C-alpha cells in the first residue's frame, strides 16, 4: 500500500466513525483504531499533525455540517441547558439536539 492509498483508507475509516456517531451508534473500537491509523501516519512521516487535523476537520464538516469546535460548543450548551432547565431542553426538537 502506498502513502496515498493509506491516506484514502484513513479518511474512509474516519468518515465511518463520524457517520456511526451521527446515526447514534458510536463505535469506540473503530474510533480507537482510526486514532491508531493517524498516529502511525504521523510516526511514519506520511502526515504532519496539522495535516491530520485538517483531514479530521474536513471529514467532520462533511458529515456533521459543522466544525469540531462548533459541534463541541453546541453540545456543551445543550448539556448545560439540560442540567439547568430540563423543560427548555425538551422544548428543543430532538433532531436539533443531535
PDB file of N, CA and C in Angstrom:
ATOM      1  N   UNK A   1       0.854  -1.173   0.000  1.00  0.00           N
ATOM      2  CA  UNK A   1       0.000   0.000   0.000  1.00  0.00           C
ATOM      3  C   UNK A   1       0.902   1.239   0.000  1.00  0.00           C
ATOM      4  N   UNK A   2       0.647   2.131  -0.937  1.00  0.00           N
ATOM      5  CA  UNK A   2       1.428   3.366  -0.975  1.00  0.00           C
ATOM      6  C   UNK A   2       0.809   4.413  -0.040  1.00  0.00           C
ATOM      7  N   UNK A   3       1.508   5.510   0.132  1.00  0.00           N
ATOM      8  CA  UNK A   3       1.071   6.553   1.066  1.00  0.00           C
ATOM      9  C   UNK A   3      -0.314   7.101   0.730  1.00  0.00           C
ATOM     10  N   UNK A   4      -0.558   7.343  -0.555  1.00  0.00           N
ATOM     11  CA  UNK A   4      -1.852   7.907  -0.966  1.00  0.00           C
ATOM     12  C   UNK A   4      -2.994   6.941  -0.658  1.00  0.00           C
ATOM     13  N   UNK A   5      -2.790   5.665  -0.933  1.00  0.00           N
ATOM     14  CA  UNK A   5      -3.820   4.657  -0.639  1.00  0.00           C
ATOM     15  C   UNK A   5      -4.071   4.571   0.856  1.00  0.00           C
ATOM     16  N   UNK A   6      -3.007   4.690   1.627  1.00  0.00           N
ATOM     17  CA  UNK A   6      -3.141   4.646   3.083  1.00  0.00           C
ATOM     18  C   UNK A   6      -3.985   5.819   3.580  1.00  0.00           C
ATOM     19  N   UNK A   7      -3.725   7.003   3.046  1.00  0.00           N
ATOM     20  CA  UNK A   7      -4.486   8.190   3.459  1.00  0.00           C
ATOM     21  C   UNK A   7      -5.952   8.087   3.041  1.00  0.00           C
ATOM     22  N   UNK A   8      -6.203   7.547   1.862  1.00  0.00           N
ATOM     23  CA  UNK A   8      -7.585   7.347   1.415  1.00  0.00           C
ATOM     24  C   UNK A   8      -8.294   6.386   2.374  1.00  0.00           C
ATOM     25  N   UNK A   9      -7.602   5.330   2.775  1.00  0.00           N
ATOM     26  CA  UNK A   9      -8.172   4.372   3.725  1.00  0.00           C
ATOM     27  C   UNK A   9      -8.449   5.044   5.071  1.00  0.00           C
ATOM     28  N   UNK A  10      -7.497   5.849   5.554  1.00  0.00           N
ATOM     29  CA  UNK A  10      -7.682   6.562   6.828  1.00  0.00           C
ATOM     30  C   UNK A  10      -8.903   7.469   6.780  1.00  0.00           C
ATOM     31  N   UNK A  11      -9.048   8.214   5.692  1.00  0.00           N
ATOM     32  CA  UNK A  11     -10.187   9.123   5.546  1.00  0.00           C
ATOM     33  C   UNK A  11     -11.509   8.359   5.533  1.00  0.00           C
ATOM     34  N   UNK A  12     -11.534   7.231   4.838  1.00  0.00           N
ATOM     35  CA  UNK A  12     -12.765   6.434   4.761  1.00  0.00           C
ATOM     36  C   UNK A  12     -13.141   5.882   6.135  1.00  0.00           C
ATOM     37  N   UNK A  13     -12.159   5.426   6.876  1.00  0.00           N
ATOM     38  CA  UNK A  13     -12.414   4.908   8.219  1.00  0.00           C
ATOM     39  C   UNK A  13     -12.881   6.022   9.159  1.00  0.00           C
ATOM     40  N   UNK A  14     -12.263   7.185   9.035  1.00  0.00           N
ATOM     41  CA  UNK A  14     -12.652   8.325   9.851  1.00  0.00           C
ATOM     42  C   UNK A  14     -14.088   8.735   9.544  1.00  0.00           C
ATOM     43  N   UNK A  15     -14.426   8.754   8.274  1.00  0.00           N
ATOM     44  CA  UNK A  15     -15.795   9.101   7.895  1.00  0.00           C
ATOM     45  C   UNK A  15     -16.779   8.095   8.493  1.00  0.00           C
ATOM     46  N   UNK A  16     -16.414   6.826   8.511  1.00  0.00           N
ATOM     47  CA  UNK A  16     -17.275   5.795   9.119  1.00  0.00           C
ATOM     48  C   UNK A  16     -17.500   6.069  10.598  1.00  0.00           C
ATOM     49  N   UNK A  17     -16.451   6.496  11.282  1.00  0.00           N
ATOM     50  CA  UNK A  17     -16.574   6.832  12.705  1.00  0.00           C
ATOM     51  C   UNK A  17     -17.592   7.958  12.882  1.00  0.00           C
ATOM     52  N   UNK A  18     -17.456   9.000  12.090  1.00  0.00           N
ATOM     53  CA  UNK A  18     -18.365  10.141  12.204  1.00  0.00           C
ATOM     54  C   UNK A  18     -19.790   9.773  11.790  1.00  0.00           C
ATOM     55  N   UNK A  19     -19.936   8.992  10.744  1.00  0.00           N
ATOM     56  CA  UNK A  19     -21.271   8.594  10.301  1.00  0.00           C
ATOM     57  C   UNK A  19     -21.965   7.717  11.341  1.00  0.00           C
ATOM     58  N   UNK A  20     -21.206   6.810  11.955  1.00  0.00           N
ATOM     59  CA  UNK A  20     -21.776   5.975  13.020  1.00  0.00           C
ATOM     60  C   UNK A  20     -22.228   6.833  14.196  1.00  0.00           C
ATOM     61  N   UNK A  21     -21.415   7.801  14.556  1.00  0.00           N
ATOM     62  CA  UNK A  21     -21.756   8.702  15.661  1.00  0.00           C
ATOM     63  C   UNK A  21     -23.012   9.496  15.319  1.00  0.00           C
ATOM     64  N   UNK A  22     -23.077  10.011  14.100  1.00  0.00           N
ATOM     65  CA  UNK A  22     -24.233  10.785  13.678  1.00  0.00           C
ATOM     66  C   UNK A  22     -25.501   9.931  13.696  1.00  0.00           C
ATOM     67  N   UNK A  23     -25.376   8.649  13.369  1.00  0.00           N
ATOM     68  CA  UNK A  23     -26.521   7.741  13.353  1.00  0.00           C
ATOM     69  C   UNK A  23     -26.906   7.268  14.756  1.00  0.00           C
ATOM     70  N   UNK A  24     -26.151   7.734  15.763  1.00  0.00           N
ATOM     71  CA  UNK A  24     -26.456   7.345  17.139  1.00  0.00           C
ATOM     72  C   UNK A  24     -25.899   5.990  17.527  1.00  0.00           C
ATOM     73  N   UNK A  25     -24.943   5.510  16.744  1.00  0.00           N
ATOM     74  CA  UNK A  25     -24.337   4.205  17.013  1.00  0.00           C
ATOM     75  C   UNK A  25     -22.811   4.329  17.049  1.00  0.00           C
ATOM     76  N   UNK A  26     -22.293   5.067  18.021  1.00  0.00           N
ATOM     77  CA  UNK A  26     -20.836   5.241  18.072  1.00  0.00           C
ATOM     78  C   UNK A  26     -20.121   3.904  18.272  1.00  0.00           C
ATOM     79  N   UNK A  27     -18.998   3.767  17.607  1.00  0.00           N
ATOM     80  CA  UNK A  27     -18.203   2.533  17.671  1.00  0.00           C
ATOM     81  C   UNK A  27     -16.821   2.902  18.214  1.00  0.00           C
ATOM     82  N   UNK A  28     -16.653   2.743  19.526  1.00  0.00           N
ATOM     83  CA  UNK A  28     -15.389   3.128  20.152  1.00  0.00           C
ATOM     84  C   UNK A  28     -14.216   2.323  19.620  1.00  0.00           C
ATOM     85  N   UNK A  29     -14.444   1.047  19.320  1.00  0.00           N
ATOM     86  CA  UNK A  29     -13.363   0.209  18.804  1.00  0.00           C
ATOM     87  C   UNK A  29     -12.838   0.780  17.484  1.00  0.00           C
ATOM     88  N   UNK A  30     -13.741   1.143  16.593  1.00  0.00           N
ATOM     89  CA  UNK A  30     -13.339   1.735  15.311  1.00  0.00           C
ATOM     90  C   UNK A  30     -12.682   3.089  15.536  1.00  0.00           C
ATOM     91  N   UNK A  31     -13.222   3.873  16.452  1.00  0.00           N
ATOM     92  CA  UNK A  31     -12.652   5.189  16.745  1.00  0.00           C
ATOM     93  C   UNK A  31     -11.189   5.060  17.187  1.00  0.00           C
ATOM     94  N   UNK A  32     -10.919   4.127  18.089  1.00  0.00           N
ATOM     95  CA  UNK A  32      -9.553   3.950  18.577  1.00  0.00           C
ATOM     96  C   UNK A  32      -8.640   3.399  17.484  1.00  0.00           C
ATOM     97  N   UNK A  33      -9.193   2.567  16.620  1.00  0.00           N
ATOM     98  CA  UNK A  33      -8.422   2.039  15.503  1.00  0.00           C
ATOM     99  C   UNK A  33      -8.017   3.178  14.562  1.00  0.00           C
ATOM    100  N   UNK A  34      -8.943   4.077  14.297  1.00  0.00           N
ATOM    101  CA  UNK A  34      -8.652   5.217  13.417  1.00  0.00           C
ATOM    102  C   UNK A  34      -7.621   6.137  14.061  1.00  0.00           C
ATOM    103  N   UNK A  35      -7.732   6.341  15.366  1.00  0.00           N
ATOM    104  CA  UNK A  35      -6.713   7.136  16.062  1.00  0.00           C
ATOM    105  C   UNK A  35      -5.339   6.508  15.873  1.00  0.00           C
ATOM    106  N   UNK A  36      -5.279   5.194  15.945  1.00  0.00           N
ATOM    107  CA  UNK A  36      -4.020   4.478  15.724  1.00  0.00           C
ATOM    108  C   UNK A  36      -3.503   4.642  14.309  1.00  0.00           C
ATOM    109  N   UNK A  37      -4.410   4.613  13.339  1.00  0.00           N
ATOM    110  CA  UNK A  37      -4.011   4.817  11.945  1.00  0.00           C
ATOM    111  C   UNK A  37      -3.389   6.196  11.750  1.00  0.00           C
ATOM    112  N   UNK A  38      -4.005   7.204  12.321  1.00  0.00           N
ATOM    113  CA  UNK A  38      -3.477   8.562  12.192  1.00  0.00           C
ATOM    114  C   UNK A  38      -2.158   8.712  12.954  1.00  0.00           C
ATOM    115  N   UNK A  39      -2.058   8.090  14.098  1.00  0.00           N
ATOM    116  CA  UNK A  39      -0.807   8.156  14.860  1.00  0.00           C
ATOM    117  C   UNK A  39       0.320   7.496  14.065  1.00  0.00           C
ATOM    118  N   UNK A  40       0.028   6.355  13.456  1.00  0.00           N
ATOM    119  CA  UNK A  40       1.039   5.664  12.649  1.00  0.00           C
ATOM    120  C   UNK A  40       1.460   6.534  11.459  1.00  0.00           C
ATOM    121  N   UNK A  41       0.496   7.198  10.834  1.00  0.00           N
ATOM    122  CA  UNK A  41       0.820   8.058   9.693  1.00  0.00           C
ATOM    123  C   UNK A  41       1.757   9.195  10.115  1.00  0.00           C
ATOM    124  N   UNK A  42       1.528   9.716  11.305  1.00  0.00           N
ATOM    125  CA  UNK A  42       2.403  10.783  11.804  1.00  0.00           C
ATOM    126  C   UNK A  42       3.802  10.238  12.102  1.00  0.00           C
ATOM    127  N   UNK A  43       3.856   9.069  12.735  1.00  0.00           N
ATOM    128  CA  UNK A  43       5.155   8.483  13.069  1.00  0.00           C
ATOM    129  C   UNK A  43       5.967   8.129  11.821  1.00  0.00           C
ATOM    130  N   UNK A  44       5.278   7.706  10.770  1.00  0.00           N
ATOM    131  CA  UNK A  44       5.958   7.319   9.537  1.00  0.00           C
ATOM    132  C   UNK A  44       6.257   8.512   8.636  1.00  0.00           C
ATOM    133  N   UNK A  45       5.837   9.693   9.054  1.00  0.00           N
ATOM    134  CA  UNK A  45       6.105  10.889   8.268  1.00  0.00           C
ATOM    135  C   UNK A  45       5.182  11.057   7.073  1.00  0.00           C
ATOM    136  N   UNK A  46       4.076  10.327   7.057  1.00  0.00           N
ATOM    137  CA  UNK A  46       3.108  10.443   5.957  1.00  0.00           C
ATOM    138  C   UNK A  46       2.271  11.699   6.142  1.00  0.00           C
ATOM    139  N   UNK A  47       1.996  12.034   7.384  1.00  0.00           N
ATOM    140  CA  UNK A  47       1.164  13.193   7.730  1.00  0.00           C
ATOM    141  C   UNK A  47       1.825  14.001   8.832  1.00  0.00           C
ATOM    142  N   UNK A  48       1.640  15.302   8.777  1.00  0.00           N
ATOM    143  CA  UNK A  48       2.029  16.136   9.916  1.00  0.00           C
ATOM    144  C   UNK A  48       0.807  16.247  10.827  1.00  0.00           C
ATOM    145  N   UNK A  49       1.007  16.764  12.009  1.00  0.00           N
ATOM    146  CA  UNK A  49      -0.113  16.975  12.931  1.00  0.00           C
ATOM    147  C   UNK A  49      -1.129  17.927  12.327  1.00  0.00           C
ATOM    148  N   UNK A  50      -0.643  18.957  11.644  1.00  0.00           N
ATOM    149  CA  UNK A  50      -1.532  19.936  11.012  1.00  0.00           C
ATOM    150  C   UNK A  50      -2.351  19.300   9.896  1.00  0.00           C
ATOM    151  N   UNK A  51      -1.721  18.451   9.102  1.00  0.00           N
ATOM    152  CA  UNK A  51      -2.438  17.770   8.021  1.00  0.00           C
ATOM    153  C   UNK A  51      -3.501  16.827   8.584  1.00  0.00           C
ATOM    154  N   UNK A  52      -3.157  16.114   9.647  1.00  0.00           N
ATOM    155  CA  UNK A  52      -4.121  15.203  10.271  1.00  0.00           C
ATOM    156  C   UNK A  52      -5.313  15.994  10.818  1.00  0.00           C
ATOM    157  N   UNK A  53      -5.033  17.112  11.450  1.00  0.00           N
ATOM    158  CA  UNK A  53      -6.113  17.959  11.974  1.00  0.00           C
ATOM    159  C   UNK A  53      -7.000  18.475  10.853  1.00  0.00           C
ATOM    160  N   UNK A  54      -6.399  18.834   9.737  1.00  0.00           N
ATOM    161  CA  UNK A  54      -7.171  19.335   8.594  1.00  0.00           C
ATOM    162  C   UNK A  54      -8.075  18.244   8.022  1.00  0.00           C
ATOM    163  N   UNK A  55      -7.568  17.022   7.958  1.00  0.00           N
ATOM    164  CA  UNK A  55      -8.374  15.901   7.465  1.00  0.00           C
ATOM    165  C   UNK A  55      -9.543  15.638   8.405  1.00  0.00           C
ATOM    166  N   UNK A  56      -9.269  15.633   9.694  1.00  0.00           N
ATOM    167  CA  UNK A  56     -10.323  15.403  10.687  1.00  0.00           C
ATOM    168  C   UNK A  56     -11.384  16.489  10.577  1.00  0.00           C
ATOM    169  N   UNK A  57     -10.954  17.724  10.475  1.00  0.00           N
ATOM    170  CA  UNK A  57     -11.884  18.847  10.369  1.00  0.00           C
ATOM    171  C   UNK A  57     -12.725  18.742   9.092  1.00  0.00           C
ATOM    172  N   UNK A  58     -12.089  18.394   7.999  1.00  0.00           N
ATOM    173  CA  UNK A  58     -12.774  18.275   6.716  1.00  0.00           C
ATOM    174  C   UNK A  58     -13.829  17.170   6.734  1.00  0.00           C
ATOM    175  N   UNK A  59     -13.469  16.009   7.243  1.00  0.00           N
ATOM    176  CA  UNK A  59     -14.414  14.891   7.303  1.00  0.00           C
ATOM    177  C   UNK A  59     -15.556  15.190   8.281  1.00  0.00           C
ATOM    178  N   UNK A  60     -15.228  15.830   9.386  1.00  0.00           N
ATOM    179  CA  UNK A  60     -16.251  16.203  10.372  1.00  0.00           C
ATOM    180  C   UNK A  60     -17.243  17.172   9.742  1.00  0.00           C
ATOM    181  N   UNK A  61     -16.736  18.157   9.023  1.00  0.00           N
ATOM    182  CA  UNK A  61     -17.584  19.137   8.349  1.00  0.00           C
ATOM    183  C   UNK A  61     -18.488  18.446   7.326  1.00  0.00           C
ATOM    184  N   UNK A  62     -17.937  17.487   6.595  1.00  0.00           N
ATOM    185  CA  UNK A  62     -18.705  16.785   5.561  1.00  0.00           C
ATOM    186  C   UNK A  62     -19.856  15.974   6.162  1.00  0.00           C
ATOM    187  N   UNK A  63     -19.627  15.369   7.315  1.00  0.00           N
ATOM    188  CA  UNK A  63     -20.652  14.511   7.928  1.00  0.00           C
ATOM    189  C   UNK A  63     -21.633  15.314   8.770  1.00  0.00           C
ATOM    190  N   UNK A  64     -21.126  16.186   9.627  1.00  0.00           N
ATOM    191  CA  UNK A  64     -21.987  16.890  10.584  1.00  0.00           C
ATOM    192  C   UNK A  64     -22.436  18.278  10.112  1.00  0.00           C
ATOM    193  N   UNK A  65     -21.772  18.813   9.102  1.00  0.00           N
ATOM    194  CA  UNK A  65     -22.132  20.129   8.614  1.00  0.00           C
ATOM    195  C   UNK A  65     -21.678  21.258   9.515  1.00  0.00           C
ATOM    196  N   UNK A  66     -20.754  20.971  10.416  1.00  0.00           N
ATOM    197  CA  UNK A  66     -20.194  21.984  11.310  1.00  0.00           C
ATOM    198  C   UNK A  66     -18.801  21.545  11.730  1.00  0.00           C
ATOM    199  N   UNK A  67     -18.006  22.498  12.177  1.00  0.00           N
ATOM    200  CA  UNK A  67     -16.644  22.172  12.585  1.00  0.00           C
ATOM    201  C   UNK A  67     -16.663  21.421  13.919  1.00  0.00           C
ATOM    202  N   UNK A  68     -15.525  20.834  14.236  1.00  0.00           N
ATOM    203  CA  UNK A  68     -15.398  20.110  15.502  1.00  0.00           C
ATOM    204  C   UNK A  68     -15.658  21.060  16.669  1.00  0.00           C
ATOM    205  N   UNK A  69     -15.075  22.262  16.617  1.00  0.00           N
ATOM    206  CA  UNK A  69     -15.242  23.209  17.727  1.00  0.00           C
ATOM    207  C   UNK A  69     -16.676  23.720  17.816  1.00  0.00           C
ATOM    208  N   UNK A  70     -17.321  23.946  16.677  1.00  0.00           N
ATOM    209  CA  UNK A  70     -18.721  24.389  16.693  1.00  0.00           C
ATOM    210  C   UNK A  70     -19.616  23.323  17.320  1.00  0.00           C
ATOM    211  N   UNK A  71     -19.386  22.080  16.947  1.00  0.00           N
ATOM    212  CA  UNK A  71     -20.214  20.993  17.485  1.00  0.00           C
ATOM    213  C   UNK A  71     -19.978  20.826  18.981  1.00  0.00           C
ATOM    214  N   UNK A  72     -18.732  20.907  19.398  1.00  0.00           N
ATOM    215  CA  UNK A  72     -18.409  20.792  20.814  1.00  0.00           C
ATOM    216  C   UNK A  72     -19.081  21.904  21.613  1.00  0.00           C
ATOM    217  N   UNK A  73     -19.041  23.117  21.090  1.00  0.00           N
ATOM    218  CA  UNK A  73     -19.672  24.254  21.763  1.00  0.00           C
ATOM    219  C   UNK A  73     -21.187  24.044  21.872  1.00  0.00           C
ATOM    220  N   UNK A  74     -21.801  23.607  20.761  1.00  0.00           N
ATOM    221  CA  UNK A  74     -23.247  23.378  20.760  1.00  0.00           C
ATOM    222  C   UNK A  74     -23.638  22.276  21.733  1.00  0.00           C
ATOM    223  N   UNK A  75     -22.879  21.182  21.751  1.00  0.00           N
ATOM    224  CA  UNK A  75     -23.181  20.069  22.658  1.00  0.00           C
ATOM    225  C   UNK A  75     -23.006  20.494  24.121  1.00  0.00           C
ATOM    226  N   UNK A  76     -22.001  21.311  24.403  1.00  0.00           N
ATOM    227  CA  UNK A  76     -21.776  21.806  25.762  1.00  0.00           C
ATOM    228  C   UNK A  76     -22.933  22.683  26.208  1.00  0.00           C
ATOM    229  N   UNK A  77     -23.404  23.556  25.313  1.00  0.00           N
ATOM    230  CA  UNK A  77     -24.536  24.418  25.650  1.00  0.00           C
ATOM    231  C   UNK A  77     -25.795  23.593  25.911  1.00  0.00           C
ATOM    232  N   UNK A  78     -26.020  22.563  25.104  1.00  0.00           N
ATOM    233  CA  UNK A  78     -27.185  21.698  25.311  1.00  0.00           C
ATOM    234  C   UNK A  78     -27.100  20.960  26.650  1.00  0.00           C
ATOM    235  N   UNK A  79     -25.902  20.509  26.983  1.00  0.00           N
ATOM    236  CA  UNK A  79     -25.716  19.805  28.252  1.00  0.00           C
ATOM    237  C   UNK A  79     -26.001  20.737  29.426  1.00  0.00           C
ATOM    238  N   UNK A  80     -25.516  21.971  29.345  1.00  0.00           N
ATOM    239  CA  UNK A  80     -25.763  22.943  30.413  1.00  0.00           C
ATOM    240  C   UNK A  80     -27.247  23.265  30.527  1.00  0.00           C
ATOM    241  N   UNK A  81     -27.913  23.399  29.394  1.00  0.00           N
ATOM    242  CA  UNK A  81     -29.345  23.670  29.401  1.00  0.00           C
ATOM    243  C   UNK A  81     -30.111  22.499  30.009  1.00  0.00           C
ATOM    244  N   UNK A  82     -29.707  21.299  29.672  1.00  0.00           N
ATOM    245  CA  UNK A  82     -30.361  20.100  30.207  1.00  0.00           C
ATOM    246  C   UNK A  82     -30.234  20.046  31.725  1.00  0.00           C
ATOM    247  N   UNK A  83     -29.077  20.442  32.230  1.00  0.00           N
ATOM    248  CA  UNK A  83     -28.848  20.417  33.669  1.00  0.00           C
ATOM    249  C   UNK A  83     -29.567  21.549  34.398  1.00  0.00           C
ATOM    250  N   UNK A  84     -29.740  22.688  33.713  1.00  0.00           N
ATOM    251  CA  UNK A  84     -30.332  23.849  34.387  1.00  0.00           C
ATOM    252  C   UNK A  84     -31.843  23.978  34.180  1.00  0.00           C
ATOM    253  N   UNK A  85     -32.329  23.604  32.996  1.00  0.00           N
ATOM    254  CA  UNK A  85     -33.753  23.784  32.694  1.00  0.00           C
ATOM    255  C   UNK A  85     -34.213  22.656  31.781  1.00  0.00           C
ATOM    256  N   UNK A  86     -34.597  21.562  32.379  1.00  0.00           N
ATOM    257  CA  UNK A  86     -34.961  20.362  31.631  1.00  0.00           C
ATOM    258  C   UNK A  86     -36.123  20.619  30.672  1.00  0.00           C
ATOM    259  N   UNK A  87     -37.087  21.426  31.104  1.00  0.00           N
ATOM    260  CA  UNK A  87     -38.247  21.705  30.240  1.00  0.00           C
ATOM    261  C   UNK A  87     -37.812  22.449  28.970  1.00  0.00           C
ATOM    262  N   UNK A  88     -36.959  23.444  29.125  1.00  0.00           N
ATOM    263  CA  UNK A  88     -36.472  24.194  27.961  1.00  0.00           C
ATOM    264  C   UNK A  88     -35.669  23.277  27.037  1.00  0.00           C
ATOM    265  N   UNK A  89     -34.906  22.356  27.628  1.00  0.00           N
ATOM    266  CA  UNK A  89     -34.130  21.401  26.844  1.00  0.00           C
ATOM    267  C   UNK A  89     -35.055  20.551  25.973  1.00  0.00           C
ATOM    268  N   UNK A  90     -36.121  20.042  26.569  1.00  0.00           N
ATOM    269  CA  UNK A  90     -37.022  19.172  25.824  1.00  0.00           C
ATOM    270  C   UNK A  90     -37.950  19.941  24.890  1.00  0.00           C
ATOM    271  N   UNK A  91     -38.013  21.260  24.998  1.00  0.00           N
ATOM    272  CA  UNK A  91     -38.760  22.075  24.045  1.00  0.00           C
ATOM    273  C   UNK A  91     -38.014  22.218  22.716  1.00  0.00           C
ATOM    274  N   UNK A  92     -36.723  21.915  22.730  1.00  0.00           N
ATOM    275  CA  UNK A  92     -35.925  21.925  21.503  1.00  0.00           C
ATOM    276  C   UNK A  92     -36.220  20.622  20.767  1.00  0.00           C
ATOM    277  N   UNK A  93     -36.565  20.690  19.485  1.00  0.00           N
ATOM    278  CA  UNK A  93     -36.849  19.452  18.740  1.00  0.00           C
ATOM    279  C   UNK A  93     -35.673  18.479  18.812  1.00  0.00           C
ATOM    280  N   UNK A  94     -35.981  17.221  18.936  1.00  0.00           N
ATOM    281  CA  UNK A  94     -34.962  16.183  19.082  1.00  0.00           C
ATOM    282  C   UNK A  94     -33.939  16.242  17.962  1.00  0.00           C
ATOM    283  N   UNK A  95     -34.383  16.447  16.753  1.00  0.00           N
ATOM    284  CA  UNK A  95     -33.474  16.480  15.609  1.00  0.00           C
ATOM    285  C   UNK A  95     -32.427  17.577  15.752  1.00  0.00           C
ATOM    286  N   UNK A  96     -32.757  18.641  16.455  1.00  0.00           N
ATOM    287  CA  UNK A  96     -31.801  19.731  16.664  1.00  0.00           C
ATOM    288  C   UNK A  96     -30.864  19.465  17.827  1.00  0.00           C
ATOM    289  N   UNK A  97     -31.204  18.501  18.666  1.00  0.00           N
ATOM    290  CA  UNK A  97     -30.357  18.190  19.822  1.00  0.00           C
ATOM    291  C   UNK A  97     -29.307  17.140  19.500  1.00  0.00           C
ATOM    292  N   UNK A  98     -29.325  16.582  18.308  1.00  0.00           N
ATOM    293  CA  UNK A  98     -28.376  15.520  17.953  1.00  0.00           C
ATOM    294  C   UNK A  98     -27.024  16.028  17.625  1.00  0.00           C
TER     295      UNK A  98
END
